[in-house]
N, C-alpha and C. Protein backbone atom coordinates (compact mmCIF):
# COMPACT_ATOMS: atom_id res chain seq x y z
N MET A 1 -5.65 -101.25 -3.91
CA MET A 1 -6.95 -101.93 -4.03
C MET A 1 -7.90 -101.43 -2.95
N ASN A 2 -9.15 -101.20 -3.32
CA ASN A 2 -10.17 -100.81 -2.35
C ASN A 2 -10.62 -102.04 -1.57
N THR A 3 -10.83 -101.87 -0.28
CA THR A 3 -11.30 -102.97 0.57
C THR A 3 -12.60 -102.55 1.25
N LEU A 4 -13.61 -103.42 1.15
CA LEU A 4 -14.88 -103.18 1.83
C LEU A 4 -15.07 -104.22 2.92
N TYR A 5 -15.23 -103.76 4.15
CA TYR A 5 -15.59 -104.65 5.26
C TYR A 5 -17.11 -104.68 5.29
N SER A 6 -17.65 -105.89 5.17
CA SER A 6 -19.08 -106.04 4.94
C SER A 6 -19.63 -107.21 5.75
N PHE A 7 -20.96 -107.24 5.88
CA PHE A 7 -21.65 -108.39 6.46
C PHE A 7 -22.80 -108.67 5.49
N ARG A 8 -22.84 -109.88 4.95
CA ARG A 8 -23.72 -110.18 3.80
C ARG A 8 -25.17 -109.77 4.01
N ARG A 9 -25.71 -110.00 5.21
CA ARG A 9 -27.15 -109.76 5.42
C ARG A 9 -27.46 -108.37 5.98
N CYS A 10 -26.46 -107.56 6.25
CA CYS A 10 -26.70 -106.21 6.79
C CYS A 10 -27.25 -105.31 5.67
N PRO A 11 -28.42 -104.69 5.87
CA PRO A 11 -28.98 -103.86 4.79
C PRO A 11 -28.10 -102.68 4.40
N TYR A 12 -27.39 -102.11 5.37
CA TYR A 12 -26.48 -101.00 5.04
C TYR A 12 -25.35 -101.49 4.14
N ALA A 13 -24.80 -102.66 4.47
CA ALA A 13 -23.72 -103.23 3.66
C ALA A 13 -24.23 -103.63 2.27
N MET A 14 -25.46 -104.13 2.22
CA MET A 14 -26.04 -104.52 0.92
C MET A 14 -26.09 -103.33 -0.03
N ARG A 15 -26.59 -102.21 0.46
CA ARG A 15 -26.74 -101.08 -0.46
C ARG A 15 -25.39 -100.53 -0.88
N ALA A 16 -24.41 -100.59 0.00
CA ALA A 16 -23.06 -100.16 -0.37
C ALA A 16 -22.50 -101.08 -1.46
N ARG A 17 -22.67 -102.40 -1.28
CA ARG A 17 -22.16 -103.36 -2.27
C ARG A 17 -22.84 -103.17 -3.63
N MET A 18 -24.15 -102.90 -3.60
CA MET A 18 -24.87 -102.70 -4.86
C MET A 18 -24.34 -101.48 -5.62
N ALA A 19 -24.10 -100.39 -4.91
CA ALA A 19 -23.59 -99.18 -5.57
C ALA A 19 -22.19 -99.40 -6.13
N LEU A 20 -21.34 -100.08 -5.37
CA LEU A 20 -19.98 -100.35 -5.83
C LEU A 20 -20.00 -101.24 -7.07
N ARG A 21 -20.87 -102.25 -7.06
CA ARG A 21 -20.96 -103.18 -8.20
C ARG A 21 -21.50 -102.45 -9.43
N TYR A 22 -22.55 -101.67 -9.24
CA TYR A 22 -23.14 -100.91 -10.35
C TYR A 22 -22.12 -99.95 -10.97
N ALA A 23 -21.33 -99.30 -10.11
CA ALA A 23 -20.35 -98.32 -10.59
C ALA A 23 -19.11 -98.99 -11.18
N GLY A 24 -19.02 -100.31 -11.01
CA GLY A 24 -17.87 -101.03 -11.55
C GLY A 24 -16.58 -100.77 -10.79
N VAL A 25 -16.70 -100.42 -9.51
CA VAL A 25 -15.52 -100.15 -8.69
C VAL A 25 -14.94 -101.49 -8.21
N ALA A 26 -13.69 -101.72 -8.53
CA ALA A 26 -13.03 -102.96 -8.07
C ALA A 26 -12.83 -102.88 -6.56
N VAL A 27 -13.30 -103.92 -5.88
CA VAL A 27 -13.24 -103.88 -4.41
C VAL A 27 -13.03 -105.30 -3.88
N ASP A 28 -12.16 -105.39 -2.90
CA ASP A 28 -11.93 -106.66 -2.22
C ASP A 28 -12.87 -106.69 -1.02
N ILE A 29 -13.79 -107.66 -0.98
CA ILE A 29 -14.79 -107.68 0.10
C ILE A 29 -14.35 -108.62 1.22
N VAL A 30 -14.27 -108.09 2.41
CA VAL A 30 -13.94 -108.88 3.59
C VAL A 30 -15.23 -109.11 4.37
N GLU A 31 -15.68 -110.38 4.43
CA GLU A 31 -16.89 -110.71 5.17
C GLU A 31 -16.56 -110.73 6.66
N VAL A 32 -17.25 -109.91 7.40
CA VAL A 32 -16.95 -109.70 8.82
C VAL A 32 -17.83 -110.60 9.69
N SER A 33 -17.22 -111.25 10.66
CA SER A 33 -17.99 -111.93 11.70
C SER A 33 -18.26 -110.89 12.78
N LEU A 34 -19.53 -110.64 13.06
CA LEU A 34 -19.86 -109.58 14.02
C LEU A 34 -19.38 -109.91 15.43
N LYS A 35 -19.08 -111.21 15.67
CA LYS A 35 -18.57 -111.60 17.00
C LYS A 35 -17.05 -111.47 17.09
N ALA A 36 -16.40 -111.40 15.93
CA ALA A 36 -14.93 -111.29 15.92
C ALA A 36 -14.52 -110.35 14.80
N LYS A 37 -14.71 -109.04 15.05
CA LYS A 37 -14.44 -108.05 14.01
C LYS A 37 -12.93 -107.93 13.75
N PRO A 38 -12.54 -107.80 12.48
CA PRO A 38 -11.11 -107.71 12.18
C PRO A 38 -10.46 -106.48 12.84
N ALA A 39 -9.27 -106.69 13.35
CA ALA A 39 -8.54 -105.59 14.00
C ALA A 39 -8.33 -104.43 13.04
N ARG A 40 -8.04 -104.75 11.77
CA ARG A 40 -7.81 -103.68 10.77
C ARG A 40 -9.06 -102.83 10.58
N MET A 41 -10.23 -103.46 10.55
CA MET A 41 -11.48 -102.70 10.40
C MET A 41 -11.67 -101.76 11.59
N LEU A 42 -11.39 -102.24 12.79
CA LEU A 42 -11.56 -101.42 14.00
C LEU A 42 -10.54 -100.29 14.06
N GLU A 43 -9.37 -100.53 13.47
CA GLU A 43 -8.37 -99.45 13.36
C GLU A 43 -8.90 -98.34 12.47
N LEU A 44 -9.48 -98.75 11.34
CA LEU A 44 -10.00 -97.79 10.36
C LEU A 44 -11.21 -97.05 10.89
N SER A 45 -12.09 -97.79 11.58
CA SER A 45 -13.34 -97.21 12.06
C SER A 45 -13.67 -97.79 13.44
N PRO A 46 -13.26 -97.09 14.50
CA PRO A 46 -13.43 -97.63 15.86
C PRO A 46 -14.88 -97.89 16.25
N LYS A 47 -15.86 -97.29 15.54
CA LYS A 47 -17.26 -97.56 15.93
C LYS A 47 -17.66 -99.00 15.65
N GLY A 48 -16.92 -99.67 14.75
CA GLY A 48 -17.08 -101.12 14.61
C GLY A 48 -18.33 -101.61 13.89
N THR A 49 -18.94 -100.75 13.08
CA THR A 49 -20.12 -101.18 12.33
C THR A 49 -19.77 -101.28 10.84
N VAL A 50 -20.43 -102.20 10.14
CA VAL A 50 -20.24 -102.32 8.70
C VAL A 50 -21.32 -101.50 7.99
N PRO A 51 -21.04 -101.06 6.76
CA PRO A 51 -19.83 -101.28 5.98
C PRO A 51 -18.75 -100.24 6.28
N VAL A 52 -17.51 -100.64 6.02
CA VAL A 52 -16.37 -99.71 6.08
C VAL A 52 -15.59 -99.89 4.79
N LEU A 53 -15.38 -98.80 4.07
CA LEU A 53 -14.62 -98.85 2.83
C LEU A 53 -13.27 -98.18 3.04
N ASP A 54 -12.22 -98.91 2.72
CA ASP A 54 -10.86 -98.35 2.68
C ASP A 54 -10.57 -98.11 1.20
N ALA A 55 -10.76 -96.87 0.77
CA ALA A 55 -10.59 -96.52 -0.64
C ALA A 55 -9.20 -95.92 -0.85
N GLY A 56 -8.22 -96.80 -0.89
CA GLY A 56 -6.85 -96.35 -1.10
C GLY A 56 -6.39 -95.35 -0.06
N GLY A 57 -6.72 -95.62 1.21
CA GLY A 57 -6.29 -94.72 2.28
C GLY A 57 -7.38 -93.79 2.78
N ARG A 58 -8.42 -93.56 1.98
CA ARG A 58 -9.55 -92.76 2.45
C ARG A 58 -10.57 -93.72 3.07
N VAL A 59 -10.95 -93.45 4.31
CA VAL A 59 -11.88 -94.34 5.02
C VAL A 59 -13.28 -93.75 4.99
N ILE A 60 -14.24 -94.54 4.52
CA ILE A 60 -15.65 -94.11 4.50
C ILE A 60 -16.44 -95.17 5.26
N ASP A 61 -17.07 -94.77 6.37
CA ASP A 61 -17.76 -95.77 7.20
C ASP A 61 -19.25 -95.50 7.38
N GLU A 62 -19.84 -94.84 6.38
CA GLU A 62 -21.30 -94.68 6.33
C GLU A 62 -21.76 -95.19 4.97
N SER A 63 -22.79 -96.06 4.96
CA SER A 63 -23.19 -96.71 3.71
C SER A 63 -23.59 -95.71 2.62
N LEU A 64 -24.32 -94.68 3.00
CA LEU A 64 -24.78 -93.70 2.01
C LEU A 64 -23.60 -92.94 1.41
N GLU A 65 -22.61 -92.65 2.23
CA GLU A 65 -21.41 -91.97 1.73
C GLU A 65 -20.63 -92.88 0.79
N ILE A 66 -20.59 -94.19 1.11
CA ILE A 66 -19.93 -95.15 0.21
C ILE A 66 -20.65 -95.17 -1.13
N MET A 67 -21.99 -95.17 -1.09
CA MET A 67 -22.77 -95.16 -2.33
C MET A 67 -22.47 -93.91 -3.16
N ARG A 68 -22.45 -92.78 -2.51
CA ARG A 68 -22.19 -91.52 -3.23
C ARG A 68 -20.76 -91.49 -3.79
N TRP A 69 -19.82 -92.02 -3.01
CA TRP A 69 -18.44 -92.08 -3.48
C TRP A 69 -18.35 -92.96 -4.73
N ALA A 70 -19.02 -94.12 -4.70
CA ALA A 70 -19.01 -95.02 -5.85
C ALA A 70 -19.61 -94.34 -7.08
N LEU A 71 -20.71 -93.64 -6.89
CA LEU A 71 -21.39 -92.98 -8.01
C LEU A 71 -20.58 -91.80 -8.54
N ALA A 72 -19.74 -91.21 -7.70
CA ALA A 72 -18.86 -90.14 -8.16
C ALA A 72 -17.78 -90.70 -9.09
N GLN A 73 -17.45 -92.00 -8.91
CA GLN A 73 -16.48 -92.64 -9.80
C GLN A 73 -17.12 -92.96 -11.15
N ASN A 74 -18.38 -93.43 -11.10
CA ASN A 74 -19.04 -93.86 -12.33
C ASN A 74 -20.54 -94.04 -12.05
N ASP A 75 -21.36 -93.34 -12.81
CA ASP A 75 -22.82 -93.41 -12.63
C ASP A 75 -23.47 -93.51 -14.01
N PRO A 76 -23.32 -94.68 -14.66
CA PRO A 76 -23.71 -94.78 -16.08
C PRO A 76 -25.18 -94.51 -16.37
N HIS A 77 -26.07 -94.81 -15.43
CA HIS A 77 -27.51 -94.61 -15.69
C HIS A 77 -28.10 -93.49 -14.84
N ASP A 78 -27.22 -92.61 -14.36
CA ASP A 78 -27.63 -91.41 -13.60
C ASP A 78 -28.52 -91.72 -12.40
N TRP A 79 -28.03 -92.59 -11.53
CA TRP A 79 -28.74 -92.88 -10.27
C TRP A 79 -28.91 -91.62 -9.42
N LEU A 80 -28.02 -90.65 -9.61
CA LEU A 80 -28.08 -89.44 -8.78
C LEU A 80 -29.10 -88.42 -9.29
N LEU A 81 -29.73 -88.71 -10.43
CA LEU A 81 -30.72 -87.79 -11.02
C LEU A 81 -30.17 -86.37 -11.11
N LYS A 82 -28.96 -86.26 -11.64
CA LYS A 82 -28.25 -84.96 -11.64
C LYS A 82 -29.00 -83.85 -12.39
N ASP A 83 -29.77 -84.24 -13.43
CA ASP A 83 -30.46 -83.22 -14.23
C ASP A 83 -31.90 -83.00 -13.78
N ASP A 84 -32.24 -83.50 -12.62
CA ASP A 84 -33.64 -83.42 -12.15
C ASP A 84 -33.64 -82.99 -10.68
N SER A 85 -33.52 -81.68 -10.47
CA SER A 85 -33.36 -81.18 -9.10
C SER A 85 -34.61 -81.43 -8.25
N PHE A 86 -35.80 -81.43 -8.88
CA PHE A 86 -37.04 -81.67 -8.13
C PHE A 86 -37.03 -83.08 -7.54
N HIS A 87 -36.80 -84.09 -8.39
CA HIS A 87 -36.79 -85.45 -7.89
C HIS A 87 -35.53 -85.74 -7.06
N GLY A 88 -34.46 -84.98 -7.33
CA GLY A 88 -33.26 -85.10 -6.50
C GLY A 88 -33.55 -84.71 -5.06
N MET A 89 -34.37 -83.67 -4.89
CA MET A 89 -34.77 -83.23 -3.54
C MET A 89 -35.64 -84.31 -2.88
N TRP A 90 -36.56 -84.90 -3.65
CA TRP A 90 -37.41 -85.97 -3.11
C TRP A 90 -36.59 -87.20 -2.74
N MET A 91 -35.53 -87.42 -3.50
CA MET A 91 -34.65 -88.55 -3.22
C MET A 91 -34.06 -88.41 -1.81
N GLU A 92 -33.59 -87.21 -1.50
CA GLU A 92 -33.02 -86.96 -0.16
C GLU A 92 -34.07 -87.19 0.93
N LYS A 93 -35.28 -86.71 0.69
CA LYS A 93 -36.37 -86.86 1.68
C LYS A 93 -36.71 -88.33 1.91
N LEU A 94 -36.80 -89.08 0.81
CA LEU A 94 -37.14 -90.50 0.92
C LEU A 94 -36.07 -91.27 1.69
N ILE A 95 -34.81 -91.01 1.36
CA ILE A 95 -33.72 -91.73 2.03
C ILE A 95 -33.68 -91.34 3.51
N HIS A 96 -33.89 -90.08 3.80
CA HIS A 96 -33.91 -89.62 5.20
C HIS A 96 -35.06 -90.29 5.95
N GLY A 97 -36.23 -90.35 5.32
CA GLY A 97 -37.39 -91.00 5.95
C GLY A 97 -37.13 -92.47 6.21
N ASN A 98 -36.46 -93.12 5.28
CA ASN A 98 -36.12 -94.53 5.44
C ASN A 98 -35.15 -94.73 6.60
N ASP A 99 -34.08 -93.95 6.59
CA ASP A 99 -32.98 -94.18 7.53
C ASP A 99 -33.30 -93.73 8.96
N HIS A 100 -34.18 -92.74 9.08
CA HIS A 100 -34.40 -92.16 10.41
C HIS A 100 -35.79 -92.42 11.00
N VAL A 101 -36.74 -92.85 10.17
CA VAL A 101 -38.09 -93.11 10.69
C VAL A 101 -38.47 -94.58 10.44
N PHE A 102 -38.47 -94.98 9.17
CA PHE A 102 -38.85 -96.36 8.83
C PHE A 102 -37.96 -97.38 9.53
N LYS A 103 -36.66 -97.11 9.59
CA LYS A 103 -35.72 -98.06 10.19
C LYS A 103 -36.04 -98.29 11.68
N VAL A 104 -36.51 -97.27 12.36
CA VAL A 104 -36.89 -97.41 13.78
C VAL A 104 -38.06 -98.38 13.90
N HIS A 105 -39.09 -98.20 13.06
CA HIS A 105 -40.26 -99.10 13.09
C HIS A 105 -39.86 -100.51 12.67
N LEU A 106 -38.98 -100.62 11.68
CA LEU A 106 -38.51 -101.92 11.23
C LEU A 106 -37.82 -102.67 12.37
N ASN A 107 -36.93 -102.01 13.07
CA ASN A 107 -36.22 -102.65 14.19
C ASN A 107 -37.20 -103.15 15.25
N ARG A 108 -38.19 -102.32 15.56
CA ARG A 108 -39.14 -102.68 16.62
C ARG A 108 -40.07 -103.80 16.17
N TYR A 109 -40.40 -103.80 14.90
CA TYR A 109 -41.24 -104.87 14.33
C TYR A 109 -40.45 -106.18 14.30
N LYS A 110 -39.23 -106.11 13.83
CA LYS A 110 -38.41 -107.33 13.68
C LYS A 110 -38.01 -107.91 15.04
N TYR A 111 -37.73 -107.03 15.98
CA TYR A 111 -37.28 -107.49 17.32
C TYR A 111 -38.30 -107.06 18.38
N ALA A 112 -39.57 -107.35 18.11
CA ALA A 112 -40.66 -106.85 18.97
C ALA A 112 -40.52 -107.31 20.42
N GLU A 113 -39.89 -108.47 20.63
CA GLU A 113 -39.74 -108.97 22.02
C GLU A 113 -38.86 -108.04 22.85
N ARG A 114 -38.02 -107.24 22.18
CA ARG A 114 -37.16 -106.29 22.91
C ARG A 114 -37.91 -105.00 23.25
N TYR A 115 -39.07 -104.82 22.62
CA TYR A 115 -39.85 -103.58 22.81
C TYR A 115 -41.27 -103.93 23.25
N PRO A 116 -41.42 -104.44 24.47
CA PRO A 116 -42.73 -104.95 24.90
C PRO A 116 -43.77 -103.86 25.17
N GLU A 117 -43.40 -102.58 24.99
CA GLU A 117 -44.36 -101.49 25.25
C GLU A 117 -45.59 -101.60 24.35
N GLN A 118 -45.40 -102.15 23.15
CA GLN A 118 -46.53 -102.29 22.22
C GLN A 118 -46.46 -103.67 21.56
N PRO A 119 -47.61 -104.18 21.07
CA PRO A 119 -47.56 -105.45 20.35
C PRO A 119 -46.85 -105.28 19.00
N MET A 120 -46.36 -106.37 18.47
CA MET A 120 -45.65 -106.36 17.19
C MET A 120 -46.47 -105.70 16.10
N GLU A 121 -47.77 -105.97 16.10
CA GLU A 121 -48.65 -105.43 15.04
C GLU A 121 -48.65 -103.91 15.02
N ALA A 122 -48.47 -103.30 16.19
CA ALA A 122 -48.46 -101.83 16.26
C ALA A 122 -47.22 -101.28 15.54
N TYR A 123 -46.09 -101.93 15.76
CA TYR A 123 -44.86 -101.50 15.08
C TYR A 123 -44.97 -101.75 13.57
N ARG A 124 -45.59 -102.86 13.21
CA ARG A 124 -45.78 -103.17 11.79
C ARG A 124 -46.66 -102.11 11.13
N ALA A 125 -47.72 -101.72 11.81
CA ALA A 125 -48.64 -100.72 11.25
C ALA A 125 -47.93 -99.38 11.04
N GLU A 126 -47.03 -99.02 11.96
CA GLU A 126 -46.26 -97.77 11.81
C GLU A 126 -45.37 -97.84 10.57
N GLY A 127 -44.68 -98.96 10.42
CA GLY A 127 -43.80 -99.14 9.27
C GLY A 127 -44.57 -99.21 7.96
N ALA A 128 -45.78 -99.79 8.02
CA ALA A 128 -46.59 -99.96 6.81
C ALA A 128 -47.02 -98.61 6.22
N LEU A 129 -47.05 -97.57 7.03
CA LEU A 129 -47.39 -96.24 6.50
C LEU A 129 -46.35 -95.81 5.46
N PHE A 130 -45.10 -96.15 5.71
CA PHE A 130 -44.02 -95.83 4.77
C PHE A 130 -44.15 -96.69 3.51
N LEU A 131 -44.47 -97.98 3.71
CA LEU A 131 -44.66 -98.87 2.56
C LEU A 131 -45.79 -98.36 1.67
N GLN A 132 -46.84 -97.87 2.29
CA GLN A 132 -47.98 -97.34 1.53
C GLN A 132 -47.55 -96.14 0.68
N LYS A 133 -46.72 -95.28 1.27
CA LYS A 133 -46.23 -94.11 0.53
C LYS A 133 -45.40 -94.55 -0.68
N LEU A 134 -44.56 -95.57 -0.49
CA LEU A 134 -43.74 -96.08 -1.60
C LEU A 134 -44.63 -96.68 -2.69
N ASP A 135 -45.65 -97.43 -2.27
CA ASP A 135 -46.56 -98.05 -3.23
C ASP A 135 -47.28 -96.98 -4.06
N GLU A 136 -47.63 -95.87 -3.40
CA GLU A 136 -48.29 -94.77 -4.12
C GLU A 136 -47.34 -94.16 -5.16
N LEU A 137 -46.08 -93.99 -4.77
CA LEU A 137 -45.09 -93.46 -5.73
C LEU A 137 -44.96 -94.36 -6.95
N LEU A 138 -45.06 -95.66 -6.72
CA LEU A 138 -44.92 -96.63 -7.81
C LEU A 138 -46.17 -96.69 -8.70
N GLY A 139 -47.22 -95.99 -8.30
CA GLY A 139 -48.41 -95.89 -9.14
C GLY A 139 -48.16 -95.02 -10.36
N LYS A 140 -47.13 -94.18 -10.28
CA LYS A 140 -46.86 -93.24 -11.38
C LYS A 140 -45.83 -93.79 -12.37
N ARG A 141 -44.98 -94.71 -11.91
CA ARG A 141 -43.89 -95.22 -12.76
C ARG A 141 -43.37 -96.52 -12.16
N ASP A 142 -42.45 -97.17 -12.84
CA ASP A 142 -41.95 -98.48 -12.38
C ASP A 142 -40.97 -98.39 -11.20
N TYR A 143 -40.38 -97.21 -11.03
CA TYR A 143 -39.42 -97.02 -9.93
C TYR A 143 -39.87 -95.83 -9.10
N LEU A 144 -39.20 -95.60 -7.99
CA LEU A 144 -39.73 -94.63 -7.01
C LEU A 144 -39.82 -93.20 -7.55
N LEU A 145 -38.79 -92.76 -8.27
CA LEU A 145 -38.77 -91.35 -8.66
C LEU A 145 -38.51 -91.10 -10.14
N ALA A 146 -38.18 -92.14 -10.88
CA ALA A 146 -37.87 -91.96 -12.30
C ALA A 146 -38.30 -93.22 -13.05
N ASP A 147 -38.08 -93.20 -14.37
CA ASP A 147 -38.46 -94.37 -15.17
C ASP A 147 -37.34 -95.42 -15.17
N ARG A 148 -36.39 -95.24 -14.27
CA ARG A 148 -35.27 -96.18 -14.10
C ARG A 148 -34.88 -96.14 -12.63
N PRO A 149 -34.12 -97.11 -12.16
CA PRO A 149 -33.68 -97.05 -10.76
C PRO A 149 -32.85 -95.81 -10.48
N CYS A 150 -32.96 -95.30 -9.27
CA CYS A 150 -32.09 -94.20 -8.83
C CYS A 150 -31.55 -94.55 -7.45
N LEU A 151 -30.77 -93.66 -6.91
CA LEU A 151 -30.14 -93.90 -5.61
C LEU A 151 -31.17 -94.27 -4.54
N ALA A 152 -32.35 -93.64 -4.58
CA ALA A 152 -33.38 -93.91 -3.57
C ALA A 152 -33.84 -95.37 -3.63
N ASP A 153 -34.06 -95.89 -4.83
CA ASP A 153 -34.50 -97.29 -4.95
C ASP A 153 -33.51 -98.22 -4.27
N ILE A 154 -32.23 -98.02 -4.57
CA ILE A 154 -31.21 -98.94 -4.07
C ILE A 154 -30.97 -98.73 -2.57
N ALA A 155 -31.06 -97.48 -2.12
CA ALA A 155 -30.84 -97.19 -0.70
C ALA A 155 -31.96 -97.77 0.18
N LEU A 156 -33.19 -97.82 -0.37
CA LEU A 156 -34.34 -98.30 0.42
C LEU A 156 -34.55 -99.81 0.29
N LEU A 157 -34.16 -100.36 -0.85
CA LEU A 157 -34.45 -101.76 -1.16
C LEU A 157 -34.13 -102.75 -0.02
N PRO A 158 -32.91 -102.74 0.55
CA PRO A 158 -32.61 -103.76 1.57
C PRO A 158 -33.48 -103.66 2.82
N PHE A 159 -33.97 -102.46 3.11
CA PHE A 159 -34.80 -102.27 4.31
C PHE A 159 -36.24 -102.72 4.04
N VAL A 160 -36.74 -102.44 2.85
CA VAL A 160 -38.07 -102.93 2.48
C VAL A 160 -38.04 -104.47 2.44
N ARG A 161 -36.96 -105.03 1.90
CA ARG A 161 -36.80 -106.49 1.87
C ARG A 161 -36.85 -107.07 3.28
N GLN A 162 -36.12 -106.42 4.20
CA GLN A 162 -36.07 -106.93 5.58
C GLN A 162 -37.45 -106.86 6.22
N PHE A 163 -38.17 -105.76 5.99
CA PHE A 163 -39.52 -105.61 6.56
C PHE A 163 -40.44 -106.69 5.99
N ALA A 164 -40.35 -106.90 4.67
CA ALA A 164 -41.22 -107.90 4.01
C ALA A 164 -40.93 -109.31 4.54
N HIS A 165 -39.68 -109.58 4.89
CA HIS A 165 -39.28 -110.94 5.28
C HIS A 165 -39.59 -111.26 6.75
N VAL A 166 -39.97 -110.28 7.53
CA VAL A 166 -40.33 -110.58 8.92
C VAL A 166 -41.54 -111.52 8.94
N ASP A 167 -42.52 -111.22 8.09
CA ASP A 167 -43.71 -112.06 7.96
C ASP A 167 -44.12 -112.02 6.49
N ARG A 168 -43.58 -112.96 5.73
CA ARG A 168 -43.78 -112.93 4.27
C ARG A 168 -45.24 -113.10 3.88
N GLU A 169 -45.96 -113.90 4.65
CA GLU A 169 -47.40 -114.11 4.34
C GLU A 169 -48.16 -112.81 4.48
N TRP A 170 -47.88 -112.07 5.56
CA TRP A 170 -48.55 -110.78 5.75
C TRP A 170 -48.24 -109.85 4.59
N PHE A 171 -46.95 -109.76 4.22
CA PHE A 171 -46.54 -108.84 3.15
C PHE A 171 -47.21 -109.22 1.83
N ALA A 172 -47.30 -110.52 1.55
CA ALA A 172 -47.91 -110.99 0.30
C ALA A 172 -49.39 -110.65 0.23
N GLN A 173 -50.03 -110.49 1.39
CA GLN A 173 -51.48 -110.21 1.42
C GLN A 173 -51.80 -108.72 1.51
N THR A 174 -50.76 -107.88 1.60
CA THR A 174 -51.02 -106.43 1.67
C THR A 174 -51.51 -105.93 0.31
N PRO A 175 -52.15 -104.75 0.30
CA PRO A 175 -52.58 -104.20 -0.98
C PRO A 175 -51.44 -103.52 -1.75
N TYR A 176 -50.21 -103.63 -1.25
CA TYR A 176 -49.08 -102.92 -1.88
C TYR A 176 -48.51 -103.75 -3.04
N VAL A 177 -49.35 -103.97 -4.03
CA VAL A 177 -49.00 -104.88 -5.13
C VAL A 177 -47.84 -104.32 -5.94
N ARG A 178 -47.86 -103.01 -6.17
CA ARG A 178 -46.78 -102.41 -6.97
C ARG A 178 -45.45 -102.51 -6.23
N LEU A 179 -45.51 -102.32 -4.90
CA LEU A 179 -44.28 -102.43 -4.10
C LEU A 179 -43.77 -103.87 -4.10
N GLN A 180 -44.68 -104.81 -4.03
CA GLN A 180 -44.29 -106.22 -4.08
C GLN A 180 -43.57 -106.53 -5.39
N GLN A 181 -44.10 -106.00 -6.50
CA GLN A 181 -43.48 -106.23 -7.82
C GLN A 181 -42.12 -105.55 -7.91
N TRP A 182 -42.05 -104.33 -7.39
CA TRP A 182 -40.78 -103.57 -7.37
C TRP A 182 -39.72 -104.36 -6.61
N LEU A 183 -40.10 -104.86 -5.43
CA LEU A 183 -39.16 -105.61 -4.59
C LEU A 183 -38.72 -106.88 -5.31
N GLN A 184 -39.68 -107.63 -5.84
CA GLN A 184 -39.37 -108.91 -6.49
C GLN A 184 -38.46 -108.70 -7.70
N GLY A 185 -38.73 -107.63 -8.45
CA GLY A 185 -37.89 -107.32 -9.62
C GLY A 185 -36.44 -107.12 -9.22
N PHE A 186 -36.22 -106.39 -8.13
CA PHE A 186 -34.84 -106.16 -7.67
C PHE A 186 -34.23 -107.44 -7.12
N LEU A 187 -35.01 -108.22 -6.36
CA LEU A 187 -34.46 -109.43 -5.75
C LEU A 187 -34.02 -110.44 -6.81
N GLU A 188 -34.65 -110.38 -7.99
CA GLU A 188 -34.29 -111.29 -9.09
C GLU A 188 -33.24 -110.70 -10.02
N SER A 189 -32.86 -109.45 -9.80
CA SER A 189 -31.92 -108.78 -10.71
C SER A 189 -30.50 -109.31 -10.54
N ASP A 190 -29.71 -109.19 -11.60
CA ASP A 190 -28.30 -109.60 -11.55
C ASP A 190 -27.55 -108.76 -10.50
N LEU A 191 -27.95 -107.50 -10.37
CA LEU A 191 -27.27 -106.62 -9.41
C LEU A 191 -27.41 -107.16 -8.00
N PHE A 192 -28.63 -107.53 -7.62
CA PHE A 192 -28.86 -108.02 -6.24
C PHE A 192 -28.31 -109.42 -6.05
N THR A 193 -28.60 -110.33 -6.98
CA THR A 193 -28.13 -111.71 -6.79
C THR A 193 -26.60 -111.74 -6.78
N GLY A 194 -25.98 -110.83 -7.56
CA GLY A 194 -24.52 -110.78 -7.60
C GLY A 194 -23.89 -110.39 -6.28
N ILE A 195 -24.52 -109.47 -5.56
CA ILE A 195 -23.92 -109.01 -4.29
C ILE A 195 -24.26 -109.94 -3.11
N MET A 196 -25.18 -110.88 -3.35
CA MET A 196 -25.58 -111.79 -2.26
C MET A 196 -24.91 -113.16 -2.33
N LYS A 197 -24.09 -113.36 -3.37
CA LYS A 197 -23.40 -114.66 -3.47
C LYS A 197 -22.45 -114.82 -2.30
N LYS A 198 -22.40 -116.05 -1.78
CA LYS A 198 -21.48 -116.32 -0.66
C LYS A 198 -20.06 -116.47 -1.20
C-alpha cells in the first residue's frame, strides 16, 4: 500500500493529494503534526517536510515529483498536455515561476511581521504581478493553458488560494475577476473538497 505523509493545510501536500486522487492511486494518508513528526516519515525523508510518499518502497519527497509519479500511473484527462509541446513548455515556466518567485512573495505577504524591511502591501504588490499574469492567461480560456485543467492549474491552485485568503476582502476587490472565478470553481470542485475532508 502507498502511504502519503501529509499536512491538510500545506499547499505542497494539497497539490500532491489532488494529483493522487485524480489519478485514482490508492493511498493511505497519514496526517502529520508538524510539532511531532512521525519517526517513520523522518526515516524515509530526513528533511522532515511534507508531503512524503512511500510508493511501495520508492520514496518521493517533493510534491511536484509526487504529482508526476501519480500522472505516470494514470492521467485520464491529459493533465501533462503530452500532445502539446508548446503549452507543455509554458506549463514548466508557470510552475517554476510559482514555486521559485511567487512563493517567496506569498511567504513575505502572509508573514509580513517576519520581514519588516518592507510593509505588507509591498509584498502583496509583488505577488499580485503573478496573479495579473494568471488572470491574463484566463482571458483566452477557462483554464491556464488548455480548455481543461492541466498540471499547472493544480500545481498553482493551493498557492493562489493561500494568497487570496491572507486578505479575502482585498482579493475580492481586485480586477482579477477571471482568476477569482477560476479559484472558486476549483474550491467548489469534488476534487478539492475531497482532499480537504478531515
